[in-house]
C-alpha atoms as a PDB file:
ATOM      1  CA  SER A   1     114.745  88.177  98.469  1.00  0.00           C
ATOM      2  CA  VAL A   2     111.670  87.679  95.668  1.00  0.00           C
ATOM      3  CA  THR A   3     108.214  86.703  97.017  1.00  0.00           C
ATOM      4  CA  TYR A   4     105.352  85.946  94.405  1.00  0.00           C
ATOM      5  CA  GLN A   5     102.088  87.898  94.312  1.00  0.00           C
ATOM      6  CA  VAL A   6      98.753  86.306  93.066  1.00  0.00           C
ATOM      7  CA  GLY A   7      96.200  88.554  91.023  1.00  0.00           C
ATOM      8  CA  ARG A   8      92.598  88.160  90.388  1.00  0.00           C
ATOM      9  CA  THR A   9      92.657  86.565  87.393  1.00  0.00           C
ATOM     10  CA  GLY A  10      95.595  83.676  89.061  1.00  0.00           C
ATOM     11  CA  ALA A  11      98.260  85.522  87.682  1.00  0.00           C
ATOM     12  CA  VAL A  12     101.402  84.983  89.372  1.00  0.00           C
ATOM     13  CA  THR A  13     103.809  87.983  89.889  1.00  0.00           C
ATOM     14  CA  PRO A  14     107.445  88.205  91.355  1.00  0.00           C
ATOM     15  CA  VAL A  15     108.346  90.974  93.305  1.00  0.00           C
ATOM     16  CA  ALA A  16     112.279  92.016  94.458  1.00  0.00           C
ATOM     17  CA  ASN A  17     112.187  92.793  98.466  1.00  0.00           C
ATOM     18  CA  LEU A  18     115.564  95.260  98.588  1.00  0.00           C
ATOM     19  CA  GLU A  19     117.276  96.940 100.967  1.00  0.00           C
ATOM     20  CA  PRO A  20     115.924 100.292 101.687  1.00  0.00           C
ATOM     21  CA  VAL A  21     116.914 102.900  99.388  1.00  0.00           C
ATOM     22  CA  LEU A  22     116.122 106.425  98.458  1.00  0.00           C
ATOM     23  CA  LEU A  23     115.258 106.874  94.958  1.00  0.00           C
ATOM     24  CA  ALA A  24     113.931 110.026  93.251  1.00  0.00           C
ATOM     25  CA  GLY A  25     112.659 111.440  96.411  1.00  0.00           C
ATOM     26  CA  THR A  26     111.112 108.098  98.415  1.00  0.00           C
ATOM     27  CA  THR A  27     112.235 105.188  99.833  1.00  0.00           C
ATOM     28  CA  VAL A  28     112.334 101.771  97.820  1.00  0.00           C
ATOM     29  CA  LYS A  29     111.779  98.426  99.366  1.00  0.00           C
ATOM     30  CA  ARG A  30     110.149  96.380  96.551  1.00  0.00           C
ATOM     31  CA  ALA A  31     109.797  96.360  93.137  1.00  0.00           C
ATOM     32  CA  THR A  32     108.172  94.567  90.281  1.00  0.00           C
ATOM     33  CA  LEU A  33     110.260  91.426  88.248  1.00  0.00           C
ATOM     34  CA  HIS A  34     106.892  91.569  85.866  1.00  0.00           C
ATOM     35  CA  ASN A  35     107.445  87.515  85.050  1.00  0.00           C
ATOM     36  CA  ALA A  36     110.051  84.761  85.086  1.00  0.00           C
ATOM     37  CA  ASP A  37     111.509  85.581  81.647  1.00  0.00           C
ATOM     38  CA  VAL A  38     112.662  89.069  83.574  1.00  0.00           C
ATOM     39  CA  ILE A  39     114.245  87.324  86.436  1.00  0.00           C
ATOM     40  CA  ALA A  40     116.132  84.946  83.292  1.00  0.00           C
ATOM     41  CA  GLU A  41     117.444  88.061  81.552  1.00  0.00           C
ATOM     42  CA  LEU A  42     118.707  89.587  84.495  1.00  0.00           C
ATOM     43  CA  ASP A  43     120.211  86.227  85.614  1.00  0.00           C
ATOM     44  CA  LEU A  44     119.528  86.893  89.111  1.00  0.00           C
ATOM     45  CA  HIS A  45     120.831  85.522  92.066  1.00  0.00           C
ATOM     46  CA  GLU A  46     119.968  85.667  95.765  1.00  0.00           C
ATOM     47  CA  HIS A  47     121.350  88.891  97.528  1.00  0.00           C
ATOM     48  CA  ASP A  48     122.092  90.487  94.647  1.00  0.00           C
ATOM     49  CA  PHE A  49     123.160  94.178  94.163  1.00  0.00           C
ATOM     50  CA  VAL A  50     120.861  95.668  91.698  1.00  0.00           C
ATOM     51  CA  PHE A  51     120.644  99.013  90.140  1.00  0.00           C
ATOM     52  CA  ILE A  52     116.746  99.915  90.398  1.00  0.00           C
ATOM     53  CA  GLU A  53     115.191 102.872  88.478  1.00  0.00           C
ATOM     54  CA  LYS A  54     111.540 104.420  88.119  1.00  0.00           C
ATOM     55  CA  GLY A  55     109.685 103.563  85.153  1.00  0.00           C
ATOM     56  CA  GLY A  56     107.999 106.479  84.613  1.00  0.00           C
ATOM     57  CA  GLU A  57     109.241 108.031  87.480  1.00  0.00           C
ATOM     58  CA  ILE A  58     106.436 105.878  89.501  1.00  0.00           C
ATOM     59  CA  ILE A  59     107.296 102.288  89.637  1.00  0.00           C
ATOM     60  CA  PRO A  60     110.478 100.631  90.827  1.00  0.00           C
ATOM     61  CA  LYS A  61     112.363  98.487  88.671  1.00  0.00           C
ATOM     62  CA  ILE A  62     115.198  96.575  88.798  1.00  0.00           C
ATOM     63  CA  VAL A  63     117.070  97.008  85.203  1.00  0.00           C
ATOM     64  CA  GLU A  64     120.623  95.144  85.663  1.00  0.00           C
ATOM     65  CA  VAL A  65     122.769  93.425  88.548  1.00  0.00           C
ATOM     66  CA  ASP A  66     126.019  93.962  89.508  1.00  0.00           C
ATOM     67  CA  VAL A  67     127.409  90.586  88.751  1.00  0.00           C
ATOM     68  CA  ALA A  68     131.015  91.686  90.167  1.00  0.00           C
ATOM     69  CA  LYS A  69     129.559  92.157  93.416  1.00  0.00           C
ATOM     70  CA  ARG A  70     127.726  88.443  93.911  1.00  0.00           C
ATOM     71  CA  GLU A  71     128.457  85.860  96.362  1.00  0.00           C
ATOM     72  CA  PRO A  72     130.241  83.198  94.991  1.00  0.00           C
ATOM     73  CA  GLN A  73     127.450  80.757  96.028  1.00  0.00           C
ATOM     74  CA  ALA A  74     124.499  82.361  95.189  1.00  0.00           C
ATOM     75  CA  HIS A  75     121.898  80.934  94.584  1.00  0.00           C
ATOM     76  CA  LYS A  76     119.900  81.370  91.221  1.00  0.00           C
ATOM     77  CA  VAL A  77     116.306  82.455  91.426  1.00  0.00           C
ATOM     78  CA  SER A  78     114.108  80.569  90.098  1.00  0.00           C
ATOM     79  CA  PHE A  79     110.399  81.312  88.990  1.00  0.00           C
ATOM     80  CA  ILE A  80     108.415  78.965  91.418  1.00  0.00           C
ATOM     81  CA  ARG A  81     106.374  76.208  89.733  1.00  0.00           C
ATOM     82  CA  HIS A  82     103.168  76.034  92.436  1.00  0.00           C
ATOM     83  CA  CYS A  83     100.941  78.657  93.900  1.00  0.00           C
ATOM     84  CA  PRO A  84     101.891  80.104  97.013  1.00  0.00           C
ATOM     85  CA  GLU A  85      99.007  80.602  98.317  1.00  0.00           C
ATOM     86  CA  CYS A  86      97.188  77.626  97.742  1.00  0.00           C
ATOM     87  CA  GLY A  87      99.995  75.235  96.397  1.00  0.00           C
ATOM     88  CA  SER A  88      98.371  74.164  93.076  1.00  0.00           C
ATOM     89  CA  PRO A  89     100.410  73.927  90.162  1.00  0.00           C
ATOM     90  CA  LEU A  90     101.180  76.690  87.909  1.00  0.00           C
ATOM     91  CA  GLU A  91     100.492  76.745  84.065  1.00  0.00           C
ATOM     92  CA  ARG A  92     102.048  79.212  81.456  1.00  0.00           C
ATOM     93  CA  LEU A  93      99.719  79.797  78.260  1.00  0.00           C
ATOM     94  CA  PRO A  94     101.400  79.334  74.992  1.00  0.00           C
ATOM     95  CA  GLY A  95     101.994  82.772  73.804  1.00  0.00           C
ATOM     96  CA  GLU A  96     101.757  84.416  77.395  1.00  0.00           C
ATOM     97  CA  ALA A  97     104.797  85.409  79.559  1.00  0.00           C
ATOM     98  CA  ALA A  98     102.800  85.484  82.324  1.00  0.00           C
ATOM     99  CA  TYR A  99     102.172  82.029  84.641  1.00  0.00           C
ATOM    100  CA  TYR A 100      99.228  81.242  86.270  1.00  0.00           C
ATOM    101  CA  CYS A 101      97.677  79.134  89.186  1.00  0.00           C
ATOM    102  CA  THR A 102      95.305  76.815  88.028  1.00  0.00           C
ATOM    103  CA  ASN A 103      92.891  76.825  90.761  1.00  0.00           C
ATOM    104  CA  GLN A 104      90.455  79.256  89.521  1.00  0.00           C
ATOM    105  CA  THR A 105      87.835  78.432  92.366  1.00  0.00           C
ATOM    106  CA  ASN A 106      89.930  77.789  96.131  1.00  0.00           C
ATOM    107  CA  CYS A 107      92.408  80.591  95.544  1.00  0.00           C
ATOM    108  CA  PRO A 108      91.932  82.441  98.000  1.00  0.00           C
ATOM    109  CA  PRO A 109      93.550  85.463  96.965  1.00  0.00           C
ATOM    110  CA  GLN A 110      91.732  85.010  93.205  1.00  0.00           C
ATOM    111  CA  ILE A 111      88.640  84.394  94.966  1.00  0.00           C
ATOM    112  CA  LYS A 112      89.080  87.806  97.091  1.00  0.00           C
ATOM    113  CA  GLY A 113      90.474  89.465  93.926  1.00  0.00           C
ATOM    114  CA  LYS A 114      87.411  88.764  91.386  1.00  0.00           C
ATOM    115  CA  ILE A 115      85.342  89.781  94.534  1.00  0.00           C
ATOM    116  CA  GLU A 116      86.990  93.193  94.877  1.00  0.00           C
ATOM    117  CA  HIS A 117      86.612  93.721  90.951  1.00  0.00           C
ATOM    118  CA  PHE A 118      83.240  92.791  90.938  1.00  0.00           C
ATOM    119  CA  VAL A 119      81.884  95.324  92.918  1.00  0.00           C
ATOM    120  CA  SER A 120      83.776  98.275  92.371  1.00  0.00           C
ATOM    121  CA  ARG A 121      82.662 101.405  90.704  1.00  0.00           C
ATOM    122  CA  LYS A 122      82.899 100.812  87.267  1.00  0.00           C
ATOM    123  CA  ALA A 123      81.228  97.244  87.660  1.00  0.00           C
ATOM    124  CA  MET A 124      78.414  96.918  90.091  1.00  0.00           C
ATOM    125  CA  ASN A 125      78.988  99.931  92.162  1.00  0.00           C
ATOM    126  CA  ILE A 126      78.626  97.597  95.371  1.00  0.00           C
ATOM    127  CA  GLY A 127      79.979  99.795  99.023  1.00  0.00           C
ATOM    128  CA  LEU A 128      82.291  96.951 100.309  1.00  0.00           C
ATOM    129  CA  ALA A 129      86.244  98.023 100.874  1.00  0.00           C
ATOM    130  CA  GLU A 130      88.914  95.336 100.179  1.00  0.00           C
ATOM    131  CA  ALA A 131      89.147  94.977 104.051  1.00  0.00           C
ATOM    132  CA  THR A 132      84.981  93.878 104.514  1.00  0.00           C
ATOM    133  CA  ILE A 133      85.566  91.272 101.560  1.00  0.00           C
ATOM    134  CA  ALA A 134      88.824  89.455 103.442  1.00  0.00           C
ATOM    135  CA  GLN A 135      86.175  89.991 106.375  1.00  0.00           C
ATOM    136  CA  LEU A 136      83.137  87.915 105.071  1.00  0.00           C
ATOM    137  CA  TYR A 137      85.506  85.456 103.325  1.00  0.00           C
ATOM    138  CA  THR A 138      87.906  84.187 105.884  1.00  0.00           C
ATOM    139  CA  ALA A 139      84.085  84.253 107.686  1.00  0.00           C
ATOM    140  CA  GLY A 140      82.931  81.985 105.042  1.00  0.00           C
ATOM    141  CA  LEU A 141      79.572  84.221 103.838  1.00  0.00           C
ATOM    142  CA  ILE A 142      81.101  84.778 100.059  1.00  0.00           C
ATOM    143  CA  GLU A 143      82.925  82.119  98.527  1.00  0.00           C
ATOM    144  CA  ASN A 144      82.464  83.842  94.942  1.00  0.00           C
ATOM    145  CA  PRO A 145      80.570  87.192  93.675  1.00  0.00           C
ATOM    146  CA  ALA A 146      77.365  85.488  93.496  1.00  0.00           C
ATOM    147  CA  ALA A 147      77.567  84.853  97.048  1.00  0.00           C
ATOM    148  CA  LEU A 148      76.959  88.618  97.629  1.00  0.00           C
ATOM    149  CA  TYR A 149      73.172  88.087  96.824  1.00  0.00           C
ATOM    150  CA  SER A 150      72.554  85.314  99.068  1.00  0.00           C
ATOM    151  CA  LEU A 151      73.940  87.446 102.319  1.00  0.00           C
ATOM    152  CA  GLN A 152      71.141  87.851 104.730  1.00  0.00           C
ATOM    153  CA  TYR A 153      70.929  90.596 107.867  1.00  0.00           C
ATOM    154  CA  ASP A 154      71.076  87.926 110.269  1.00  0.00           C
ATOM    155  CA  ASN A 155      74.210  86.424 109.035  1.00  0.00           C
ATOM    156  CA  LEU A 156      76.156  89.728 108.934  1.00  0.00           C
ATOM    157  CA  ILE A 157      74.630  91.684 112.209  1.00  0.00           C
ATOM    158  CA  GLN A 158      77.328  89.241 114.284  1.00  0.00           C
ATOM    159  CA  LEU A 159      80.148  90.056 112.596  1.00  0.00           C
ATOM    160  CA  GLU A 160      82.650  92.380 114.141  1.00  0.00           C
ATOM    161  CA  ARG A 161      82.213  96.077 112.870  1.00  0.00           C
ATOM    162  CA  PHE A 162      78.785  95.426 111.793  1.00  0.00           C
ATOM    163  CA  GLY A 163      76.362  97.227 113.268  1.00  0.00           C
ATOM    164  CA  GLU A 164      72.611  98.110 112.002  1.00  0.00           C
ATOM    165  CA  LYS A 165      73.210 100.571 109.748  1.00  0.00           C
ATOM    166  CA  SER A 166      76.158  99.510 107.813  1.00  0.00           C
ATOM    167  CA  VAL A 167      74.238  96.472 107.643  1.00  0.00           C
ATOM    168  CA  GLN A 168      71.735  97.985 106.060  1.00  0.00           C
ATOM    169  CA  ASN A 169      73.619 100.131 103.870  1.00  0.00           C
ATOM    170  CA  LEU A 170      75.132  96.334 102.513  1.00  0.00           C
ATOM    171  CA  LEU A 171      72.041  95.043 102.169  1.00  0.00           C
ATOM    172  CA  HIS A 172      70.559  98.225 100.098  1.00  0.00           C
ATOM    173  CA  SER A 173      73.627  98.474  98.191  1.00  0.00           C
ATOM    174  CA  ILE A 174      73.281  95.105  96.720  1.00  0.00           C
ATOM    175  CA  GLU A 175      69.873  95.401  95.611  1.00  0.00           C
ATOM    176  CA  GLU A 176      70.601  98.343  93.815  1.00  0.00           C
ATOM    177  CA  SER A 177      73.350  96.882  92.102  1.00  0.00           C
ATOM    178  CA  LYS A 178      70.805  94.216  90.387  1.00  0.00           C
ATOM    179  CA  GLN A 179      69.816  97.409  87.799  1.00  0.00           C
ATOM    180  CA  ILE A 180      73.353  97.614  86.673  1.00  0.00           C
ATOM    181  CA  PRO A 181      73.379  97.754  82.969  1.00  0.00           C
ATOM    182  CA  PHE A 182      74.222  94.784  81.397  1.00  0.00           C
ATOM    183  CA  ALA A 183      77.866  95.920  80.069  1.00  0.00           C
ATOM    184  CA  ARG A 184      78.686  96.298  83.268  1.00  0.00           C
ATOM    185  CA  VAL A 185      77.607  93.320  84.897  1.00  0.00           C
ATOM    186  CA  LEU A 186      79.980  91.498  81.773  1.00  0.00           C
ATOM    187  CA  TYR A 187      82.849  93.778  82.939  1.00  0.00           C
ATOM    188  CA  ALA A 188      82.103  92.729  86.659  1.00  0.00           C
ATOM    189  CA  LEU A 189      83.058  89.657  85.705  1.00  0.00           C
ATOM    190  CA  GLY A 190      86.300  90.144  85.435  1.00  0.00           C
ATOM    191  CA  ILE A 191      86.943  87.836  82.089  1.00  0.00           C
ATOM    192  CA  ARG A 192      90.621  88.317  80.883  1.00  0.00           C
ATOM    193  CA  TYR A 193      91.313  90.819  78.370  1.00  0.00           C
ATOM    194  CA  VAL A 194      87.484  92.308  78.450  1.00  0.00           C
ATOM    195  CA  GLY A 195      87.729  95.858  79.682  1.00  0.00           C
ATOM    196  CA  GLU A 196      84.588  97.701  79.684  1.00  0.00           C
ATOM    197  CA  THR A 197      85.319  98.535  75.780  1.00  0.00           C
ATOM    198  CA  GLY A 198      85.179  95.172  75.059  1.00  0.00           C
ATOM    199  CA  ALA A 199      81.876  94.353  77.731  1.00  0.00           C
ATOM    200  CA  LYS A 200      80.080  96.916  75.845  1.00  0.00           C
ATOM    201  CA  LYS A 201      80.477  95.342  71.780  1.00  0.00           C
ATOM    202  CA  LEU A 202      79.765  92.171  73.392  1.00  0.00           C
ATOM    203  CA  ALA A 203      76.583  93.352  75.209  1.00  0.00           C
ATOM    204  CA  GLN A 204      75.185  94.960  72.172  1.00  0.00           C
ATOM    205  CA  ALA A 205      75.770  91.908  70.343  1.00  0.00           C
ATOM    206  CA  CYS A 206      74.602  89.516  72.424  1.00  0.00           C
ATOM    207  CA  ARG A 207      71.627  90.766  74.346  1.00  0.00           C
ATOM    208  CA  SER A 208      71.965  88.423  77.220  1.00  0.00           C
ATOM    209  CA  ILE A 209      74.262  86.072  79.876  1.00  0.00           C
ATOM    210  CA  ASP A 210      72.556  83.369  77.710  1.00  0.00           C
ATOM    211  CA  VAL A 211      72.735  84.124  74.069  1.00  0.00           C
ATOM    212  CA  LEU A 212      76.491  85.034  75.202  1.00  0.00           C
ATOM    213  CA  ARG A 213      77.323  81.552  77.062  1.00  0.00           C
ATOM    214  CA  HIS A 214      76.167  79.944  73.504  1.00  0.00           C
ATOM    215  CA  ALA A 215      77.492  82.260  71.025  1.00  0.00           C
ATOM    216  CA  SER A 216      79.481  79.913  68.834  1.00  0.00           C
ATOM    217  CA  LEU A 217      83.250  81.127  68.018  1.00  0.00           C
ATOM    218  CA  GLN A 218      82.314  82.241  64.757  1.00  0.00           C
ATOM    219  CA  GLN A 219      79.748  84.674  66.230  1.00  0.00           C
ATOM    220  CA  LEU A 220      81.987  85.848  68.853  1.00  0.00           C
ATOM    221  CA  GLU A 221      84.597  86.556  65.898  1.00  0.00           C
ATOM    222  CA  ALA A 222      82.241  88.741  64.522  1.00  0.00           C
ATOM    223  CA  VAL A 223      81.538  91.154  67.368  1.00  0.00           C
ATOM    224  CA  ASP A 224      83.635  94.373  67.002  1.00  0.00           C
ATOM    225  CA  GLU A 225      87.305  94.523  68.167  1.00  0.00           C
ATOM    226  CA  ILE A 226      86.925  90.582  69.180  1.00  0.00           C
ATOM    227  CA  GLY A 227      88.090  88.053  66.848  1.00  0.00           C
ATOM    228  CA  LEU A 228      91.409  85.084  67.228  1.00  0.00           C
ATOM    229  CA  GLU A 229      93.893  87.398  67.015  1.00  0.00           C
ATOM    230  CA  LYS A 230      92.368  90.630  67.741  1.00  0.00           C
ATOM    231  CA  GLU A 231      92.388  92.701  71.679  1.00  0.00           C
ATOM    232  CA  VAL A 232      89.566  89.978  72.712  1.00  0.00           C
ATOM    233  CA  SER A 233      90.287  86.858  71.699  1.00  0.00           C
ATOM    234  CA  ALA A 234      87.179  84.493  70.909  1.00  0.00           C
ATOM    235  CA  HIS A 235      88.742  81.701  72.148  1.00  0.00           C
ATOM    236  CA  VAL A 236      89.702  82.973  75.981  1.00  0.00           C
ATOM    237  CA  LEU A 237      86.451  83.707  76.326  1.00  0.00           C
ATOM    238  CA  ARG A 238      84.904  80.420  75.193  1.00  0.00           C
ATOM    239  CA  HIS A 239      87.216  79.431  77.671  1.00  0.00           C
ATOM    240  CA  SER A 240      86.403  81.605  79.957  1.00  0.00           C
ATOM    241  CA  PHE A 241      82.345  81.140  80.304  1.00  0.00           C
ATOM    242  CA  GLY A 242      82.360  78.130  82.400  1.00  0.00           C
ATOM    243  CA  THR A 243      84.272  79.815  85.173  1.00  0.00           C
ATOM    244  CA  ASN A 244      83.368  83.390  85.194  1.00  0.00           C
ATOM    245  CA  LEU A 245      79.614  83.317  84.570  1.00  0.00           C
ATOM    246  CA  LEU A 246      77.392  83.459  87.041  1.00  0.00           C
END
Protein backbone atom coordinates (compact mmCIF):
# COMPACT_ATOMS: atom_id res chain seq x y z
CA SER A 1 0.00 0.00 0.00
CA VAL A 2 1.00 3.65 -0.30
CA THR A 3 0.62 6.33 2.37
CA TYR A 4 1.65 9.99 2.28
CA GLN A 5 3.70 12.14 4.64
CA VAL A 6 3.58 15.95 4.86
CA GLY A 7 6.78 17.82 5.68
CA ARG A 8 7.30 21.26 7.17
CA THR A 9 7.49 22.88 3.71
CA GLY A 10 4.20 21.24 2.74
CA ALA A 11 5.90 18.76 0.41
CA VAL A 12 3.93 15.51 0.25
CA THR A 13 6.09 12.36 0.08
CA PRO A 14 4.62 8.97 -0.87
CA VAL A 15 5.79 5.97 1.14
CA ALA A 16 5.39 2.30 0.21
CA ASN A 17 4.32 0.00 3.04
CA LEU A 18 5.82 -3.46 2.52
CA GLU A 19 5.51 -6.92 3.91
CA PRO A 20 8.57 -7.11 6.23
CA VAL A 21 11.68 -8.40 4.46
CA LEU A 22 15.26 -8.85 5.66
CA LEU A 23 17.62 -6.70 3.60
CA ALA A 24 21.31 -6.03 4.29
CA GLY A 25 21.01 -6.84 7.98
CA THR A 26 17.76 -5.03 8.84
CA THR A 27 14.05 -5.72 8.46
CA VAL A 28 12.51 -3.34 5.94
CA LYS A 29 8.82 -2.42 6.21
CA ARG A 30 8.73 0.91 4.37
CA ALA A 31 10.42 2.47 1.35
CA THR A 32 10.26 6.02 0.02
CA LEU A 33 8.69 6.57 -3.39
CA HIS A 34 9.96 10.18 -3.56
CA ASN A 35 7.26 11.76 -5.75
CA ALA A 36 4.48 11.23 -8.30
CA ASP A 37 6.94 10.81 -11.18
CA VAL A 38 8.59 7.82 -9.52
CA ILE A 39 5.22 6.15 -8.97
CA ALA A 40 4.37 6.71 -12.64
CA GLU A 41 7.74 5.42 -13.88
CA LEU A 42 7.34 2.25 -11.82
CA ASP A 43 3.73 1.84 -13.04
CA LEU A 44 2.98 0.87 -9.46
CA HIS A 45 -0.24 -0.96 -8.56
CA GLU A 46 -1.64 -1.89 -5.17
CA HIS A 47 -0.41 -5.26 -3.83
CA ASP A 48 2.44 -5.39 -6.34
CA PHE A 49 5.53 -7.52 -5.72
CA VAL A 50 8.53 -5.23 -5.88
CA PHE A 51 12.32 -5.34 -5.89
CA ILE A 52 13.96 -3.12 -3.29
CA GLU A 53 17.51 -2.08 -2.55
CA LYS A 54 19.19 0.24 -0.09
CA GLY A 55 20.50 3.46 -1.54
CA GLY A 56 23.95 3.97 -0.07
CA GLU A 57 23.28 0.77 1.85
CA ILE A 58 20.97 2.75 4.15
CA ILE A 59 17.70 4.03 2.63
CA PRO A 60 15.32 1.40 1.15
CA LYS A 61 13.87 2.20 -2.26
CA ILE A 62 11.81 0.36 -4.85
CA VAL A 63 13.75 -0.15 -8.08
CA GLU A 64 11.41 -2.40 -10.08
CA VAL A 65 8.00 -4.07 -10.10
CA ASP A 66 7.53 -7.78 -10.80
CA VAL A 67 4.69 -7.32 -13.29
CA ALA A 68 4.37 -11.09 -13.83
CA LYS A 69 3.05 -11.46 -10.27
CA ARG A 70 0.56 -8.58 -10.49
CA GLU A 71 -3.06 -9.37 -9.62
CA PRO A 72 -5.35 -9.04 -12.68
CA GLN A 73 -7.71 -6.59 -10.97
CA ALA A 74 -5.02 -4.57 -9.18
CA HIS A 75 -5.68 -0.83 -8.98
CA LYS A 76 -3.07 1.55 -10.35
CA VAL A 77 -1.60 3.83 -7.67
CA SER A 78 -2.54 7.43 -8.41
CA PHE A 79 -0.99 10.30 -6.53
CA ILE A 80 -3.45 12.01 -4.20
CA ARG A 81 -4.87 15.45 -5.02
CA HIS A 82 -5.64 16.61 -1.47
CA CYS A 83 -3.54 16.79 1.68
CA PRO A 84 -3.88 13.62 3.78
CA GLU A 85 -3.68 15.70 6.96
CA CYS A 86 -5.91 18.73 6.40
CA GLY A 87 -7.73 17.99 3.13
CA SER A 88 -6.48 21.09 1.31
CA PRO A 89 -5.76 20.93 -2.44
CA LEU A 90 -2.23 20.02 -3.50
CA GLU A 91 -0.27 22.02 -6.06
CA ARG A 92 2.77 21.22 -8.14
CA LEU A 93 5.03 24.19 -8.75
CA PRO A 94 6.57 24.67 -12.22
CA GLY A 95 9.90 22.88 -12.52
CA GLU A 96 9.43 20.85 -9.31
CA ALA A 97 8.70 17.16 -8.87
CA ALA A 98 6.93 17.43 -5.53
CA TYR A 99 3.33 18.26 -4.74
CA TYR A 100 2.71 20.73 -1.93
CA CYS A 101 -0.15 21.26 0.48
CA THR A 102 -1.47 24.79 -0.08
CA ASN A 103 -2.55 25.26 3.55
CA GLN A 104 0.63 26.73 5.01
CA THR A 105 -0.96 28.26 8.10
CA ASN A 106 -3.30 25.53 9.40
CA CYS A 107 -1.90 22.15 8.28
CA PRO A 108 -0.79 20.43 11.54
CA PRO A 109 2.36 18.60 10.33
CA GLN A 110 3.55 21.74 8.52
CA ILE A 111 3.10 23.87 11.62
CA LYS A 112 4.75 21.37 13.97
CA GLY A 113 7.55 20.73 11.48
CA LYS A 114 8.30 24.44 11.14
CA ILE A 115 8.43 24.82 14.91
CA GLU A 116 10.73 21.77 15.21
CA HIS A 117 13.07 23.35 12.67
CA PHE A 118 12.85 26.75 14.36
CA VAL A 119 13.95 25.42 17.78
CA SER A 120 16.68 23.11 16.45
CA ARG A 121 20.26 23.45 17.65
CA LYS A 122 21.60 25.14 14.49
CA ALA A 123 18.65 27.55 14.46
CA MET A 124 17.25 29.12 17.66
CA ASN A 125 18.52 26.35 19.96
CA ILE A 126 15.45 26.22 22.18
CA GLY A 127 15.19 23.12 24.37
CA LEU A 128 11.99 21.58 23.02
CA ALA A 129 11.59 17.94 22.05
CA GLU A 130 9.32 16.85 19.19
CA ALA A 131 6.81 15.29 21.61
CA THR A 132 6.67 18.47 23.69
CA ILE A 133 6.04 20.59 20.60
CA ALA A 134 3.15 18.28 19.70
CA GLN A 135 1.81 18.62 23.25
CA LEU A 136 1.96 22.42 23.18
CA TYR A 137 0.34 22.52 19.74
CA THR A 138 -2.49 20.18 20.79
CA ALA A 139 -3.05 22.32 23.88
CA GLY A 140 -3.49 25.37 21.63
CA LEU A 141 -0.49 27.21 23.08
CA ILE A 142 1.63 27.44 19.91
CA GLU A 143 0.26 27.80 16.38
CA ASN A 144 3.51 29.13 14.84
CA PRO A 145 7.13 29.76 15.94
CA ALA A 146 6.33 33.30 17.07
CA ALA A 147 3.88 31.94 19.64
CA LEU A 148 6.80 30.46 21.60
CA TYR A 149 7.62 33.97 22.78
CA SER A 150 4.14 34.38 24.28
CA LEU A 151 4.28 31.25 26.45
CA GLN A 152 3.57 31.98 30.11
CA TYR A 153 4.43 30.13 33.31
CA ASP A 154 0.78 29.84 34.35
CA ASN A 155 -0.16 28.08 31.07
CA LEU A 156 2.77 25.68 31.08
CA ILE A 157 2.67 24.58 34.71
CA GLN A 158 -0.81 23.12 34.20
CA LEU A 159 0.33 20.72 31.48
CA GLU A 160 1.16 17.06 32.04
CA ARG A 161 4.90 16.38 32.50
CA PHE A 162 5.59 20.09 33.12
CA GLY A 163 7.04 20.62 36.57
CA GLU A 164 8.49 23.76 38.09
CA LYS A 165 12.01 23.02 36.85
CA SER A 166 11.03 22.09 33.29
CA VAL A 167 8.87 25.21 32.91
CA GLN A 168 11.66 27.48 34.15
CA ASN A 169 14.19 25.77 31.86
CA LEU A 170 11.95 26.22 28.82
CA LEU A 171 11.21 29.88 29.52
CA HIS A 172 14.92 30.52 30.13
CA SER A 173 15.84 28.77 26.86
CA ILE A 174 13.31 30.90 24.96
CA GLU A 175 14.68 34.08 26.55
CA GLU A 176 18.25 33.08 25.67
CA SER A 177 17.25 32.54 22.02
CA LYS A 178 16.60 36.28 21.67
CA GLN A 179 20.39 36.72 21.52
CA ILE A 180 20.80 34.41 18.49
CA PRO A 181 22.55 36.12 15.52
CA PHE A 182 20.39 37.32 12.62
CA ALA A 183 21.76 34.72 10.20
CA ARG A 184 20.53 31.87 12.41
CA VAL A 185 17.15 33.55 12.79
CA LEU A 186 16.84 33.59 9.00
CA TYR A 187 17.78 29.93 8.83
CA ALA A 188 15.27 29.16 11.59
CA LEU A 189 12.42 30.63 9.55
CA GLY A 190 12.66 27.62 7.24
CA ILE A 191 12.29 29.49 3.95
CA ARG A 192 12.54 26.99 1.13
CA TYR A 193 16.09 26.62 -0.25
CA VAL A 194 17.56 28.92 2.43
CA GLY A 195 20.03 26.76 4.33
CA GLU A 196 22.75 27.85 6.71
CA THR A 197 25.02 29.23 3.98
CA GLY A 198 22.23 31.08 2.16
CA ALA A 199 21.04 32.60 5.43
CA LYS A 200 24.54 33.90 6.18
CA LYS A 201 24.81 35.48 2.72
CA LEU A 202 21.43 37.16 3.10
CA ALA A 203 22.23 38.40 6.60
CA GLN A 204 25.48 39.95 5.37
CA ALA A 205 23.68 41.76 2.54
CA CYS A 206 20.52 42.72 4.46
CA ARG A 207 21.23 43.58 8.07
CA SER A 208 17.68 43.33 9.40
CA ILE A 209 14.35 41.64 8.75
CA ASP A 210 12.83 44.93 7.62
CA VAL A 211 15.59 45.54 5.05
CA LEU A 212 15.24 42.00 3.75
CA ARG A 213 11.48 42.10 3.64
CA HIS A 214 11.43 45.22 1.50
CA ALA A 215 14.35 44.26 -0.76
CA SER A 216 13.52 44.29 -4.46
CA LEU A 217 13.96 41.30 -6.72
CA GLN A 218 17.02 42.99 -8.23
CA GLN A 219 18.58 43.57 -4.81
CA LEU A 220 18.07 39.92 -3.88
CA GLU A 221 19.56 38.75 -7.18
CA ALA A 222 22.69 40.76 -6.42
CA VAL A 223 23.40 38.71 -3.27
CA ASP A 224 26.08 36.05 -3.72
CA GLU A 225 24.60 32.57 -4.43
CA ILE A 226 21.11 34.00 -4.91
CA GLY A 227 19.56 34.64 -8.31
CA LEU A 228 16.85 33.62 -10.73
CA GLU A 229 18.57 30.35 -11.65
CA LYS A 230 20.97 29.88 -8.75
CA GLU A 231 20.75 27.61 -5.73
CA VAL A 232 18.48 30.00 -3.84
CA SER A 233 15.83 31.60 -6.04
CA ALA A 234 15.07 35.27 -5.52
CA HIS A 235 11.50 34.57 -6.67
CA VAL A 236 11.06 31.98 -3.90
CA LEU A 237 12.39 34.45 -1.33
CA ARG A 238 9.98 37.16 -2.39
CA HIS A 239 7.06 34.70 -2.35
CA SER A 240 8.05 33.34 1.07
CA PHE A 241 8.36 36.56 3.02
CA GLY A 242 4.62 36.99 3.40
CA THR A 243 4.18 33.64 5.15
CA ASN A 244 7.47 32.94 6.88
CA LEU A 245 8.63 36.10 8.59
CA LEU A 246 7.58 36.57 12.20
